[in-house]
Amino acid sequence: MDCVKDLLRRVEELTGKEVRPVMKDGLPVPARMVLGDPADPFLNLLYLREPGEEIHFAVAVACGHILRIYEAPRKERFIPVATRRSMAQFLWECEEELNRLSHFFGREEMMRLIPLWYESAIYQLTTMPPEIMIHKRLFDHCPELRSHQLKSLERQRRDALRALSPEVRKITPARIYHAANIMNYVFFKLLEDHFHLDFVAAYHRTVFIFEGGTLASLSKRIGEDNHQGDRAMIDLWSTRLDLANWYEWRPLHDDPS
């Protein structure tokens, strides 16, 4: 599709790297780009073995993430990272809840689940704010992708609604369950307002619309549609949801000069 080709061309222009497709199993999305070694002349575009019909849209979203970082001045490019220190903070803050769940899962299973819970929370927190703006841009400027975009969002919405279930609540750390559902609400509420579609009706029967509604309103006030605005929204969400100590901002060291 022409829109996707243009985005890939723009990524190569801004990064000075050639986009290289690399098949990889186990991705949470059909495609994503990875910022590797600054000296590497390639920018790896990872994709699933069987990505499905939404691969073009997934590549467009992946391009959007890279472009939002590289459109910023070099010294203002930062990426959110999870570190040993931030994970230790998560363990300390959620100690009581993790101890409760250990009686249900057992030690061995908890060793597997704890990093998954933590990584999924950080992935959602640091990915959703820029993706809100990426979705808006693609909706407005890439109409040829719109049918795939709406299918992708509907699949994502169904997954989000499953996270509302009492069963999920019982087996998830309370802070993560609470934060994840509020973030889902805000994500779909902001897109609903832009697309003029109904994405959040199911949340009207939940408590998440109260804090979620406030956070959506605050997010709208961030007027910068750029990397700096993404950072501001991520920090806003983390502060409101009490996740601020679970990640760190680090400069993107891609300048060899």
C-alpha atoms as a PDB file:
ATOM      1  CA  MET A   1       0.000   0.000   0.000  1.00  0.00           C
ATOM      2  CA  ASP A   2       1.281   3.461  -0.898  1.00  0.00           C
ATOM      3  CA  CYS A   3       0.768   4.845   2.607  1.00  0.00           C
ATOM      4  CA  VAL A   4       2.860   2.075   4.169  1.00  0.00           C
ATOM      5  CA  LYS A   5       5.579   2.445   1.543  1.00  0.00           C
ATOM      6  CA  ASP A   6       5.737   6.175   2.259  1.00  0.00           C
ATOM      7  CA  LEU A   7       6.030   5.545   5.994  1.00  0.00           C
ATOM      8  CA  LEU A   8       8.829   3.012   5.508  1.00  0.00           C
ATOM      9  CA  ARG A   9      10.651   5.431   3.227  1.00  0.00           C
ATOM     10  CA  ARG A  10      10.300   8.180   5.828  1.00  0.00           C
ATOM     11  CA  VAL A  11      11.647   5.873   8.565  1.00  0.00           C
ATOM     12  CA  GLU A  12      14.724   5.096   6.487  1.00  0.00           C
ATOM     13  CA  GLU A  13      15.268   8.792   5.750  1.00  0.00           C
ATOM     14  CA  LEU A  14      15.061   9.871   9.381  1.00  0.00           C
ATOM     15  CA  THR A  15      17.023   7.008  10.909  1.00  0.00           C
ATOM     16  CA  GLY A  16      19.594   6.653   8.168  1.00  0.00           C
ATOM     17  CA  LYS A  17      19.069   2.881   8.375  1.00  0.00           C
ATOM     18  CA  GLU A  18      17.675   0.328   5.976  1.00  0.00           C
ATOM     19  CA  VAL A  19      14.543  -1.435   7.217  1.00  0.00           C
ATOM     20  CA  ARG A  20      15.202  -5.188   7.267  1.00  0.00           C
ATOM     21  CA  PRO A  21      12.286  -7.660   7.664  1.00  0.00           C
ATOM     22  CA  VAL A  22      13.002 -10.399  10.218  1.00  0.00           C
ATOM     23  CA  MET A  23      10.522 -13.167  10.998  1.00  0.00           C
ATOM     24  CA  LYS A  24      10.075 -13.756  14.738  1.00  0.00           C
ATOM     25  CA  ASP A  25       7.615 -15.944  16.620  1.00  0.00           C
ATOM     26  CA  GLY A  26       5.940 -14.898  19.855  1.00  0.00           C
ATOM     27  CA  LEU A  27       5.412 -11.200  19.141  1.00  0.00           C
ATOM     28  CA  PRO A  28       2.450  -9.565  20.937  1.00  0.00           C
ATOM     29  CA  VAL A  29       1.547  -7.792  17.683  1.00  0.00           C
ATOM     30  CA  PRO A  30       1.839  -8.824  13.995  1.00  0.00           C
ATOM     31  CA  ALA A  31       4.841  -6.523  13.469  1.00  0.00           C
ATOM     32  CA  ARG A  32       7.114  -4.182  15.402  1.00  0.00           C
ATOM     33  CA  MET A  33      10.401  -2.347  14.901  1.00  0.00           C
ATOM     34  CA  VAL A  34      13.348  -2.682  17.251  1.00  0.00           C
ATOM     35  CA  LEU A  35      15.897   0.043  17.911  1.00  0.00           C
ATOM     36  CA  GLY A  36      19.144  -1.899  18.034  1.00  0.00           C
ATOM     37  CA  ASP A  37      22.828  -0.998  18.062  1.00  0.00           C
ATOM     38  CA  PRO A  38      23.371   2.593  16.849  1.00  0.00           C
ATOM     39  CA  ALA A  39      26.182   1.328  14.609  1.00  0.00           C
ATOM     40  CA  ASP A  40      23.934  -1.242  12.933  1.00  0.00           C
ATOM     41  CA  PRO A  41      23.052  -0.050   9.400  1.00  0.00           C
ATOM     42  CA  PHE A  42      19.752  -1.963   9.614  1.00  0.00           C
ATOM     43  CA  LEU A  43      16.531  -1.345  11.493  1.00  0.00           C
ATOM     44  CA  ASN A  44      14.865  -4.682  12.111  1.00  0.00           C
ATOM     45  CA  LEU A  45      11.173  -4.979  11.280  1.00  0.00           C
ATOM     46  CA  LEU A  46      10.047  -8.055  13.210  1.00  0.00           C
ATOM     47  CA  TYR A  47       6.956  -9.866  11.993  1.00  0.00           C
ATOM     48  CA  LEU A  48       5.062 -13.035  12.843  1.00  0.00           C
ATOM     49  CA  ARG A  49       5.348 -16.148  10.704  1.00  0.00           C
ATOM     50  CA  GLU A  50       1.622 -15.822   9.854  1.00  0.00           C
ATOM     51  CA  PRO A  51       0.824 -12.144  10.489  1.00  0.00           C
ATOM     52  CA  GLY A  52      -2.596 -12.166   8.826  1.00  0.00           C
ATOM     53  CA  GLU A  53      -4.327  -9.559   6.716  1.00  0.00           C
ATOM     54  CA  GLU A  54      -3.558  -6.737   9.150  1.00  0.00           C
ATOM     55  CA  ILE A  55       0.193  -6.841   8.496  1.00  0.00           C
ATOM     56  CA  HIS A  56       0.123  -3.604   6.485  1.00  0.00           C
ATOM     57  CA  PHE A  57      -1.588  -1.747   9.290  1.00  0.00           C
ATOM     58  CA  ALA A  58       0.736  -3.277  11.902  1.00  0.00           C
ATOM     59  CA  VAL A  59       3.774  -2.114   9.897  1.00  0.00           C
ATOM     60  CA  ALA A  60       2.271   1.383   9.674  1.00  0.00           C
ATOM     61  CA  VAL A  61       1.882   1.489  13.466  1.00  0.00           C
ATOM     62  CA  ALA A  62       5.457   0.238  13.915  1.00  0.00           C
ATOM     63  CA  CYS A  63       6.664   3.017  11.613  1.00  0.00           C
ATOM     64  CA  GLY A  64       4.643   5.510  13.609  1.00  0.00           C
ATOM     65  CA  HIS A  65       6.468   4.654  16.825  1.00  0.00           C
ATOM     66  CA  ILE A  66       9.882   5.118  15.205  1.00  0.00           C
ATOM     67  CA  LEU A  67       8.884   8.334  13.459  1.00  0.00           C
ATOM     68  CA  ARG A  68       7.559   9.950  16.641  1.00  0.00           C
ATOM     69  CA  ILE A  69      10.942   9.433  18.312  1.00  0.00           C
ATOM     70  CA  TYR A  70      13.112  10.449  15.358  1.00  0.00           C
ATOM     71  CA  GLU A  71      11.049  13.517  14.486  1.00  0.00           C
ATOM     72  CA  ALA A  72      12.209  14.974  17.811  1.00  0.00           C
ATOM     73  CA  PRO A  73      15.556  16.821  18.020  1.00  0.00           C
ATOM     74  CA  ARG A  74      18.429  14.424  18.784  1.00  0.00           C
ATOM     75  CA  LYS A  75      18.902  15.594  22.366  1.00  0.00           C
ATOM     76  CA  GLU A  76      15.185  15.241  23.120  1.00  0.00           C
ATOM     77  CA  ARG A  77      14.845  11.589  22.094  1.00  0.00           C
ATOM     78  CA  PHE A  78      14.159   9.334  25.068  1.00  0.00           C
ATOM     79  CA  ILE A  79      12.855   5.805  25.477  1.00  0.00           C
ATOM     80  CA  PRO A  80      11.114   4.316  28.534  1.00  0.00           C
ATOM     81  CA  VAL A  81      12.915   1.285  29.943  1.00  0.00           C
ATOM     82  CA  ALA A  82      12.340  -1.278  32.671  1.00  0.00           C
ATOM     83  CA  THR A  83      15.423  -1.813  34.832  1.00  0.00           C
ATOM     84  CA  ARG A  84      16.356  -4.015  37.764  1.00  0.00           C
ATOM     85  CA  ARG A  85      15.801  -1.040  40.026  1.00  0.00           C
ATOM     86  CA  SER A  86      12.334  -0.288  38.651  1.00  0.00           C
ATOM     87  CA  MET A  87      11.313  -3.957  38.840  1.00  0.00           C
ATOM     88  CA  ALA A  88      12.562  -4.105  42.428  1.00  0.00           C
ATOM     89  CA  GLN A  89      10.342  -1.106  43.135  1.00  0.00           C
ATOM     90  CA  PHE A  90       7.389  -2.965  41.607  1.00  0.00           C
ATOM     91  CA  LEU A  91       8.109  -6.007  43.802  1.00  0.00           C
ATOM     92  CA  TRP A  92       8.315  -3.855  46.906  1.00  0.00           C
ATOM     93  CA  GLU A  93       5.151  -1.886  46.165  1.00  0.00           C
ATOM     94  CA  CYS A  94       3.128  -5.017  45.306  1.00  0.00           C
ATOM     95  CA  GLU A  95       4.643  -7.311  47.933  1.00  0.00           C
ATOM     96  CA  GLU A  96       1.431  -7.851  49.877  1.00  0.00           C
ATOM     97  CA  GLU A  97      -0.619  -8.609  46.785  1.00  0.00           C
ATOM     98  CA  LEU A  98       2.046 -10.919  45.367  1.00  0.00           C
ATOM     99  CA  ASN A  99       2.171 -12.822  48.644  1.00  0.00           C
ATOM    100  CA  ARG A 100      -1.590 -13.293  48.481  1.00  0.00           C
ATOM    101  CA  LEU A 101      -1.405 -14.636  44.944  1.00  0.00           C
ATOM    102  CA  SER A 102       1.478 -16.972  45.806  1.00  0.00           C
ATOM    103  CA  HIS A 103      -0.922 -18.994  47.955  1.00  0.00           C
ATOM    104  CA  PHE A 104      -3.064 -19.490  44.865  1.00  0.00           C
ATOM    105  CA  PHE A 105      -0.361 -20.159  42.241  1.00  0.00           C
ATOM    106  CA  GLY A 106       2.549 -21.565  44.191  1.00  0.00           C
ATOM    107  CA  ARG A 107       6.192 -20.469  44.144  1.00  0.00           C
ATOM    108  CA  GLU A 108       7.238 -21.945  40.807  1.00  0.00           C
ATOM    109  CA  GLU A 109       4.319 -20.476  38.875  1.00  0.00           C
ATOM    110  CA  MET A 110       4.783 -17.105  40.584  1.00  0.00           C
ATOM    111  CA  MET A 111       8.383 -17.005  39.364  1.00  0.00           C
ATOM    112  CA  ARG A 112       6.981 -17.217  35.840  1.00  0.00           C
ATOM    113  CA  LEU A 113       4.052 -14.838  36.332  1.00  0.00           C
ATOM    114  CA  ILE A 114       5.726 -11.955  38.155  1.00  0.00           C
ATOM    115  CA  PRO A 115       7.869 -10.762  35.208  1.00  0.00           C
ATOM    116  CA  LEU A 116       4.905 -11.247  32.857  1.00  0.00           C
ATOM    117  CA  TRP A 117       2.656  -9.066  35.013  1.00  0.00           C
ATOM    118  CA  TYR A 118       5.313  -6.398  35.330  1.00  0.00           C
ATOM    119  CA  GLU A 119       6.333  -6.364  31.675  1.00  0.00           C
ATOM    120  CA  SER A 120       2.742  -6.307  30.430  1.00  0.00           C
ATOM    121  CA  ALA A 121       1.914  -3.326  32.659  1.00  0.00           C
ATOM    122  CA  ILE A 122       4.959  -1.367  31.459  1.00  0.00           C
ATOM    123  CA  TYR A 123       4.322  -2.309  27.832  1.00  0.00           C
ATOM    124  CA  GLN A 124       0.742  -1.059  28.063  1.00  0.00           C
ATOM    125  CA  LEU A 125       1.727   2.127  29.906  1.00  0.00           C
ATOM    126  CA  THR A 126       4.500   3.101  27.493  1.00  0.00           C
ATOM    127  CA  THR A 127       2.860   1.947  24.250  1.00  0.00           C
ATOM    128  CA  MET A 128      -0.728   3.130  24.482  1.00  0.00           C
ATOM    129  CA  PRO A 129      -0.165   6.923  24.703  1.00  0.00           C
ATOM    130  CA  PRO A 130       1.877   7.173  21.477  1.00  0.00           C
ATOM    131  CA  GLU A 131      -0.415   4.657  19.760  1.00  0.00           C
ATOM    132  CA  ILE A 132      -3.421   6.865  20.454  1.00  0.00           C
ATOM    133  CA  MET A 133      -1.795   9.599  18.402  1.00  0.00           C
ATOM    134  CA  ILE A 134      -0.539   7.136  15.764  1.00  0.00           C
ATOM    135  CA  HIS A 135      -4.064   5.781  15.321  1.00  0.00           C
ATOM    136  CA  LYS A 136      -5.427   9.293  14.895  1.00  0.00           C
ATOM    137  CA  ARG A 137      -2.848  10.154  12.244  1.00  0.00           C
ATOM    138  CA  LEU A 138      -3.426   6.937  10.316  1.00  0.00           C
ATOM    139  CA  PHE A 139      -7.198   7.334  10.502  1.00  0.00           C
ATOM    140  CA  ASP A 140      -6.942  10.876   9.122  1.00  0.00           C
ATOM    141  CA  HIS A 141      -4.201  10.401   6.527  1.00  0.00           C
ATOM    142  CA  CYS A 142      -4.249   6.731   5.446  1.00  0.00           C
ATOM    143  CA  PRO A 143      -7.862   5.920   4.499  1.00  0.00           C
ATOM    144  CA  GLU A 144      -6.725   2.829   2.559  1.00  0.00           C
ATOM    145  CA  LEU A 145      -5.752   1.276   5.914  1.00  0.00           C
ATOM    146  CA  ARG A 146      -8.945   2.181   7.730  1.00  0.00           C
ATOM    147  CA  SER A 147     -10.765  -1.147   7.373  1.00  0.00           C
ATOM    148  CA  HIS A 148      -7.725  -3.004   8.733  1.00  0.00           C
ATOM    149  CA  GLN A 149      -7.330  -0.419  11.475  1.00  0.00           C
ATOM    150  CA  LEU A 150     -10.913  -0.866  12.666  1.00  0.00           C
ATOM    151  CA  LYS A 151     -10.583  -4.671  12.608  1.00  0.00           C
ATOM    152  CA  SER A 152      -7.396  -4.427  14.633  1.00  0.00           C
ATOM    153  CA  LEU A 153      -9.007  -2.104  17.165  1.00  0.00           C
ATOM    154  CA  GLU A 154     -12.052  -4.331  17.498  1.00  0.00           C
ATOM    155  CA  ARG A 155      -9.834  -7.318  18.257  1.00  0.00           C
ATOM    156  CA  GLN A 156      -7.907  -5.264  20.783  1.00  0.00           C
ATOM    157  CA  ARG A 157     -11.167  -4.059  22.351  1.00  0.00           C
ATOM    158  CA  ARG A 158     -12.460  -7.618  22.744  1.00  0.00           C
ATOM    159  CA  ASP A 159      -9.242  -8.580  24.516  1.00  0.00           C
ATOM    160  CA  ALA A 160      -9.575  -5.529  26.762  1.00  0.00           C
ATOM    161  CA  LEU A 161     -13.145  -6.396  27.712  1.00  0.00           C
ATOM    162  CA  ARG A 162     -12.096  -9.893  28.720  1.00  0.00           C
ATOM    163  CA  ALA A 163      -9.752  -8.269  31.227  1.00  0.00           C
ATOM    164  CA  LEU A 164     -12.783  -6.875  33.072  1.00  0.00           C
ATOM    165  CA  SER A 165     -13.913 -10.307  34.232  1.00  0.00           C
ATOM    166  CA  PRO A 166     -13.998 -11.216  37.947  1.00  0.00           C
ATOM    167  CA  GLU A 167     -11.896 -14.271  37.124  1.00  0.00           C
ATOM    168  CA  VAL A 168      -9.072 -12.089  35.787  1.00  0.00           C
ATOM    169  CA  ARG A 169      -9.359  -9.806  38.813  1.00  0.00           C
ATOM    170  CA  LYS A 170      -8.890 -12.740  41.208  1.00  0.00           C
ATOM    171  CA  ILE A 171      -5.638 -13.866  39.589  1.00  0.00           C
ATOM    172  CA  THR A 172      -4.037 -10.476  38.858  1.00  0.00           C
ATOM    173  CA  PRO A 173      -2.234  -8.106  41.247  1.00  0.00           C
ATOM    174  CA  ALA A 174      -4.818  -5.492  42.228  1.00  0.00           C
ATOM    175  CA  ARG A 175      -2.805  -2.464  41.153  1.00  0.00           C
ATOM    176  CA  ILE A 176      -2.097  -3.960  37.730  1.00  0.00           C
ATOM    177  CA  TYR A 177      -5.727  -5.031  37.233  1.00  0.00           C
ATOM    178  CA  HIS A 178      -6.948  -1.565  38.195  1.00  0.00           C
ATOM    179  CA  ALA A 179      -4.377   0.308  36.082  1.00  0.00           C
ATOM    180  CA  ALA A 180      -4.749  -1.921  33.024  1.00  0.00           C
ATOM    181  CA  ASN A 181      -8.507  -1.454  32.825  1.00  0.00           C
ATOM    182  CA  ILE A 182      -8.284   2.305  33.296  1.00  0.00           C
ATOM    183  CA  MET A 183      -5.631   2.523  30.563  1.00  0.00           C
ATOM    184  CA  ASN A 184      -7.819   0.448  28.254  1.00  0.00           C
ATOM    185  CA  TYR A 185     -10.751   2.755  28.900  1.00  0.00           C
ATOM    186  CA  VAL A 186      -8.733   5.924  28.236  1.00  0.00           C
ATOM    187  CA  PHE A 187      -7.209   4.472  25.066  1.00  0.00           C
ATOM    188  CA  PHE A 188     -10.584   3.605  23.568  1.00  0.00           C
ATOM    189  CA  LYS A 189     -12.324   6.725  24.877  1.00  0.00           C
ATOM    190  CA  LEU A 190      -9.838   9.051  23.171  1.00  0.00           C
ATOM    191  CA  LEU A 191     -10.100   7.097  19.923  1.00  0.00           C
ATOM    192  CA  GLU A 192     -13.880   6.945  20.194  1.00  0.00           C
ATOM    193  CA  ASP A 193     -14.035  10.734  20.411  1.00  0.00           C
ATOM    194  CA  HIS A 194     -11.800  11.099  17.350  1.00  0.00           C
ATOM    195  CA  PHE A 195     -13.384   8.378  15.218  1.00  0.00           C
ATOM    196  CA  HIS A 196     -16.969   9.158  16.297  1.00  0.00           C
ATOM    197  CA  LEU A 197     -17.597   5.480  17.003  1.00  0.00           C
ATOM    198  CA  ASP A 198     -18.799   3.625  20.094  1.00  0.00           C
ATOM    199  CA  PHE A 199     -15.850   1.888  21.744  1.00  0.00           C
ATOM    200  CA  VAL A 200     -16.499   2.243  25.498  1.00  0.00           C
ATOM    201  CA  ALA A 201     -20.178   1.439  26.093  1.00  0.00           C
ATOM    202  CA  ALA A 202     -19.253  -1.728  28.002  1.00  0.00           C
ATOM    203  CA  TYR A 203     -17.224   0.319  30.492  1.00  0.00           C
ATOM    204  CA  HIS A 204     -20.290   2.314  31.558  1.00  0.00           C
ATOM    205  CA  ARG A 205     -21.186  -0.565  33.877  1.00  0.00           C
ATOM    206  CA  THR A 206     -17.792  -0.504  35.599  1.00  0.00           C
ATOM    207  CA  VAL A 207     -16.014   1.681  38.139  1.00  0.00           C
ATOM    208  CA  PHE A 208     -13.223   2.389  35.673  1.00  0.00           C
ATOM    209  CA  ILE A 209     -15.114   5.172  33.912  1.00  0.00           C
ATOM    210  CA  PHE A 210     -14.661   7.436  36.947  1.00  0.00           C
ATOM    211  CA  GLU A 211     -10.874   7.570  37.140  1.00  0.00           C
ATOM    212  CA  GLY A 212     -10.684   6.761  33.438  1.00  0.00           C
ATOM    213  CA  GLY A 213     -12.914   9.682  32.527  1.00  0.00           C
ATOM    214  CA  THR A 214     -10.749  12.079  34.520  1.00  0.00           C
ATOM    215  CA  LEU A 215      -7.559  10.700  33.012  1.00  0.00           C
ATOM    216  CA  ALA A 216      -9.017  10.918  29.490  1.00  0.00           C
ATOM    217  CA  SER A 217      -9.879  14.592  30.067  1.00  0.00           C
ATOM    218  CA  LEU A 218      -6.393  15.343  31.397  1.00  0.00           C
ATOM    219  CA  SER A 219      -4.815  13.504  28.477  1.00  0.00           C
ATOM    220  CA  LYS A 220      -6.758  15.618  25.999  1.00  0.00           C
ATOM    221  CA  ARG A 221      -5.200  18.740  27.491  1.00  0.00           C
ATOM    222  CA  ILE A 222      -1.750  17.647  26.341  1.00  0.00           C
ATOM    223  CA  GLY A 223      -1.654  19.625  23.151  1.00  0.00           C
ATOM    224  CA  GLU A 224       1.611  18.369  21.675  1.00  0.00           C
ATOM    225  CA  ASP A 225       1.201  15.689  19.012  1.00  0.00           C
ATOM    226  CA  ASN A 226       4.842  14.625  19.101  1.00  0.00           C
ATOM    227  CA  HIS A 227       7.419  12.675  21.093  1.00  0.00           C
ATOM    228  CA  GLN A 228       7.439  15.248  23.884  1.00  0.00           C
ATOM    229  CA  GLY A 229       3.660  14.956  24.135  1.00  0.00           C
ATOM    230  CA  ASP A 230       3.960  11.160  24.274  1.00  0.00           C
ATOM    231  CA  ARG A 231       6.366  11.426  27.188  1.00  0.00           C
ATOM    232  CA  ALA A 232       4.052  13.841  28.952  1.00  0.00           C
ATOM    233  CA  MET A 233       1.075  11.494  28.544  1.00  0.00           C
ATOM    234  CA  ILE A 234       3.031   8.443  29.733  1.00  0.00           C
ATOM    235  CA  ASP A 235       4.190  10.357  32.813  1.00  0.00           C
ATOM    236  CA  LEU A 236       0.657  11.639  33.428  1.00  0.00           C
ATOM    237  CA  TRP A 237      -0.789   8.126  33.291  1.00  0.00           C
ATOM    238  CA  SER A 238       1.939   6.676  35.498  1.00  0.00           C
ATOM    239  CA  THR A 239       1.437   9.374  38.121  1.00  0.00           C
ATOM    240  CA  ARG A 240      -2.356   9.050  38.181  1.00  0.00           C
ATOM    241  CA  LEU A 241      -2.172   5.228  38.292  1.00  0.00           C
ATOM    242  CA  ASP A 242       0.659   5.055  40.830  1.00  0.00           C
ATOM    243  CA  LEU A 243       3.107   3.396  38.446  1.00  0.00           C
ATOM    244  CA  ALA A 244       5.655   6.201  38.270  1.00  0.00           C
ATOM    245  CA  ASN A 245       8.493   4.207  39.843  1.00  0.00           C
ATOM    246  CA  TRP A 246       8.110   1.206  37.537  1.00  0.00           C
ATOM    247  CA  TYR A 247      10.105   2.558  34.558  1.00  0.00           C
ATOM    248  CA  GLU A 248      12.829   5.070  33.713  1.00  0.00           C
ATOM    249  CA  TRP A 249      13.500   7.443  30.816  1.00  0.00           C
ATOM    250  CA  ARG A 250      16.830   7.034  29.067  1.00  0.00           C
ATOM    251  CA  PRO A 251      18.291   8.990  26.154  1.00  0.00           C
ATOM    252  CA  LEU A 252      18.267   7.283  22.783  1.00  0.00           C
ATOM    253  CA  HIS A 253      22.008   7.032  22.121  1.00  0.00           C
ATOM    254  CA  ASP A 254      21.986   7.014  18.353  1.00  0.00           C
ATOM    255  CA  ASP A 255      24.250   9.946  17.622  1.00  0.00           C
ATOM    256  CA  PRO A 256      27.812   8.836  16.844  1.00  0.00           C
ATOM    257  CA  SER A 257      29.125  12.380  16.804  1.00  0.00           C
END
